[in-house]
C-alpha atoms as a PDB file:
ATOM      1  CA  MET A   1      30.476  27.316  21.491  1.00  0.00           C
ATOM      2  CA  ALA A   2      33.938  26.828  23.022  1.00  0.00           C
ATOM      3  CA  HIS A   3      33.876  25.562  26.555  1.00  0.00           C
ATOM      4  CA  GLU A   4      35.970  27.058  29.284  1.00  0.00           C
ATOM      5  CA  GLY A   5      39.087  25.160  30.197  1.00  0.00           C
ATOM      6  CA  ARG A   6      39.326  21.470  29.554  1.00  0.00           C
ATOM      7  CA  ASP A   7      36.615  20.156  31.879  1.00  0.00           C
ATOM      8  CA  GLY A   8      35.545  16.766  30.628  1.00  0.00           C
ATOM      9  CA  CYS A   9      38.368  16.651  28.112  1.00  0.00           C
ATOM     10  CA  GLY A  10      40.471  13.534  27.916  1.00  0.00           C
ATOM     11  CA  GLY A  11      43.311  15.761  26.788  1.00  0.00           C
ATOM     12  CA  GLY A  12      45.759  12.898  26.585  1.00  0.00           C
ATOM     13  CA  SER A  13      45.323  12.022  22.933  1.00  0.00           C
ATOM     14  CA  ALA A  14      48.275  11.017  20.797  1.00  0.00           C
ATOM     15  CA  PHE A  15      47.894  14.251  18.853  1.00  0.00           C
ATOM     16  CA  ASP A  16      48.443  17.777  20.105  1.00  0.00           C
ATOM     17  CA  VAL A  17      44.959  19.136  19.455  1.00  0.00           C
ATOM     18  CA  ASP A  18      43.542  21.097  22.345  1.00  0.00           C
ATOM     19  CA  CYS A  19      39.929  22.206  22.749  1.00  0.00           C
ATOM     20  CA  ASP A  20      40.519  25.673  21.323  1.00  0.00           C
ATOM     21  CA  GLU A  21      42.113  24.240  18.186  1.00  0.00           C
ATOM     22  CA  ALA A  22      39.399  21.601  17.786  1.00  0.00           C
ATOM     23  CA  VAL A  23      36.685  24.250  17.985  1.00  0.00           C
ATOM     24  CA  ARG A  24      38.578  26.554  15.576  1.00  0.00           C
ATOM     25  CA  GLN A  25      38.818  23.694  13.077  1.00  0.00           C
ATOM     26  CA  LEU A  26      35.281  22.386  13.643  1.00  0.00           C
ATOM     27  CA  TYR A  27      33.636  23.994  10.613  1.00  0.00           C
ATOM     28  CA  HIS A  28      36.468  22.872   8.339  1.00  0.00           C
ATOM     29  CA  PHE A  29      36.162  19.398   9.861  1.00  0.00           C
ATOM     30  CA  LEU A  30      32.404  19.252   9.235  1.00  0.00           C
ATOM     31  CA  ASP A  31      32.830  20.619   5.701  1.00  0.00           C
ATOM     32  CA  GLY A  32      35.477  18.001   4.841  1.00  0.00           C
ATOM     33  CA  GLU A  33      38.061  20.716   4.152  1.00  0.00           C
ATOM     34  CA  LEU A  34      40.917  19.284   6.212  1.00  0.00           C
ATOM     35  CA  THR A  35      43.722  17.000   5.146  1.00  0.00           C
ATOM     36  CA  GLU A  36      43.136  13.376   6.055  1.00  0.00           C
ATOM     37  CA  GLU A  37      45.812  13.582   8.746  1.00  0.00           C
ATOM     38  CA  ARG A  38      44.318  16.721  10.316  1.00  0.00           C
ATOM     39  CA  ARG A  39      40.839  15.210  10.111  1.00  0.00           C
ATOM     40  CA  ARG A  40      42.073  12.167  12.055  1.00  0.00           C
ATOM     41  CA  GLU A  41      43.677  14.422  14.678  1.00  0.00           C
ATOM     42  CA  ILE A  42      40.459  16.388  15.207  1.00  0.00           C
ATOM     43  CA  ALA A  43      38.383  13.186  15.202  1.00  0.00           C
ATOM     44  CA  THR A  44      40.670  11.712  17.854  1.00  0.00           C
ATOM     45  CA  HIS A  45      40.211  14.806  20.004  1.00  0.00           C
ATOM     46  CA  LEU A  46      36.431  14.640  19.562  1.00  0.00           C
ATOM     47  CA  ASP A  47      36.490  10.971  20.580  1.00  0.00           C
ATOM     48  CA  ASP A  48      38.376  11.877  23.772  1.00  0.00           C
ATOM     49  CA  CYS A  49      36.602  15.137  24.674  1.00  0.00           C
ATOM     50  CA  GLY A  50      32.918  15.122  25.545  1.00  0.00           C
ATOM     51  CA  PRO A  51      32.361  18.912  25.447  1.00  0.00           C
ATOM     52  CA  CYS A  52      33.978  19.270  22.020  1.00  0.00           C
ATOM     53  CA  ALA A  53      32.113  16.201  20.736  1.00  0.00           C
ATOM     54  CA  ASP A  54      28.866  17.733  21.993  1.00  0.00           C
ATOM     55  CA  ALA A  55      29.669  20.986  20.163  1.00  0.00           C
ATOM     56  CA  ALA A  56      30.441  19.075  16.963  1.00  0.00           C
ATOM     57  CA  GLY A  57      27.236  17.063  17.275  1.00  0.00           C
ATOM     58  CA  PHE A  58      25.197  20.207  17.820  1.00  0.00           C
ATOM     59  CA  GLU A  59      26.731  21.934  14.778  1.00  0.00           C
ATOM     60  CA  ALA A  60      26.201  18.852  12.594  1.00  0.00           C
ATOM     61  CA  GLU A  61      22.565  18.578  13.695  1.00  0.00           C
ATOM     62  CA  LEU A  62      22.018  22.307  13.173  1.00  0.00           C
ATOM     63  CA  ARG A  63      23.290  21.988   9.609  1.00  0.00           C
ATOM     64  CA  VAL A  64      20.796  19.190   8.929  1.00  0.00           C
ATOM     65  CA  VAL A  65      17.907  21.268  10.284  1.00  0.00           C
ATOM     66  CA  ILE A  66      18.927  24.344   8.316  1.00  0.00           C
ATOM     67  CA  SER A  67      19.427  22.438   5.075  1.00  0.00           C
ATOM     68  CA  SER A  68      16.090  20.669   5.423  1.00  0.00           C
ATOM     69  CA  ARG A  69      14.175  23.881   6.061  1.00  0.00           C
ATOM     70  CA  CYS A  70      15.999  26.388   3.895  1.00  0.00           C
ATOM     71  CA  LYS A  71      15.024  25.341   0.403  1.00  0.00           C
ATOM     72  CA  ASP A  72      14.739  28.803  -1.172  1.00  0.00           C
ATOM     73  CA  ARG A  73      16.456  29.088  -4.508  1.00  0.00           C
ATOM     74  CA  VAL A  74      18.349  32.205  -5.507  1.00  0.00           C
ATOM     75  CA  PRO A  75      16.924  33.623  -8.753  1.00  0.00           C
ATOM     76  CA  ASP A  76      19.161  33.176 -11.801  1.00  0.00           C
ATOM     77  CA  SER A  77      18.965  36.919 -12.468  1.00  0.00           C
ATOM     78  CA  LEU A  78      20.536  37.628  -9.059  1.00  0.00           C
ATOM     79  CA  ILE A  79      23.279  35.067  -9.645  1.00  0.00           C
ATOM     80  CA  GLN A  80      24.058  36.701 -13.000  1.00  0.00           C
ATOM     81  CA  ARG A  81      24.120  40.217 -11.487  1.00  0.00           C
ATOM     82  CA  VAL A  82      26.473  39.130  -8.712  1.00  0.00           C
ATOM     83  CA  ALA A  83      28.758  37.346 -11.190  1.00  0.00           C
ATOM     84  CA  ALA A  84      28.796  40.452 -13.407  1.00  0.00           C
ATOM     85  CA  ALA A  85      29.615  42.693 -10.432  1.00  0.00           C
ATOM     86  CA  ILE A  86      32.477  40.402  -9.406  1.00  0.00           C
ATOM     87  CA  ALA A  87      33.843  40.335 -12.963  1.00  0.00           C
ATOM     88  CA  ALA A  88      33.617  44.135 -13.195  1.00  0.00           C
ATOM     89  CA  GLU A  89      35.484  44.525  -9.893  1.00  0.00           C
ATOM     90  CA  GLU A  90      38.164  42.084 -11.042  1.00  0.00           C
ATOM     91  CA  ASP A  91      38.554  44.112 -14.254  1.00  0.00           C
ATOM     92  CA  ARG A  92      38.903  47.325 -12.203  1.00  0.00           C
ATOM     93  CA  GLN A  93      41.532  45.706  -9.989  1.00  0.00           C
ATOM     94  CA  ARG A  94      43.500  44.468 -13.006  1.00  0.00           C
ATOM     95  CA  SER A  95      43.393  47.900 -14.679  1.00  0.00           C
ATOM     96  CA  ARG A  96      44.810  49.523 -11.501  1.00  0.00           C
ATOM     97  CA  SER A  97      47.773  47.122 -11.405  1.00  0.00           C
END
C-alpha cells in the first residue's frame, strides 16, 4: 500500500508526518484510535498527499465492502469456548508467577 518516495506528496504540511508514518498510522486513523491531535496531523497529511489519500480512500471503501458482505455470526458456543480457553491460560500464567 505504501508508495515509493514522496511523488505527488505535498510534503510541506505544518506537521511532521511523512508518507511512511501516515501509512503506518492509517488503520488506527480509520478505526478512530488516535488522539485528536494525531488524527488532525494525519488528516492534514492526507489532505496534502494524493497517494496517501488514495490509499486511505481505498482502505475505507474496502472496509465498507467487507462489512456489507461479511455478515456471518460466530456461534455463541465458539465464543464461550474461546473465552474459557483465554481464562484458563490466564490462570496458568498467574499460577506460574
